[in-house]
Amino acid sequence: MSAKSTGTISDAERELRARVVADAAHSSEMEGLASSAEYRADAAAFVAGEFDAGELGRRTRARYGLV
């Protein structure tokens, strides 16, 4: 799977991404779900700016055979 690099992201973008990921995790936990270690690693890479939200979605769908 090729990752689309976002280049260097700003601190504000990194903070926004971290907040979005944390909100999604909280929402899942409130529903009694838990994220996988693989997803958490991908989410951390997304927050760090290694790839964009589209790639995070593609990786997640591929992991569960939803491609």
Foldseek 3Di string as FASTA:
>chain_A
DDADAPPADDPVQLVVLVVVVVVVQVVQVVVVHHDDPVLVVLSVCCSRRRHDPVVSVVVVCVVVVND
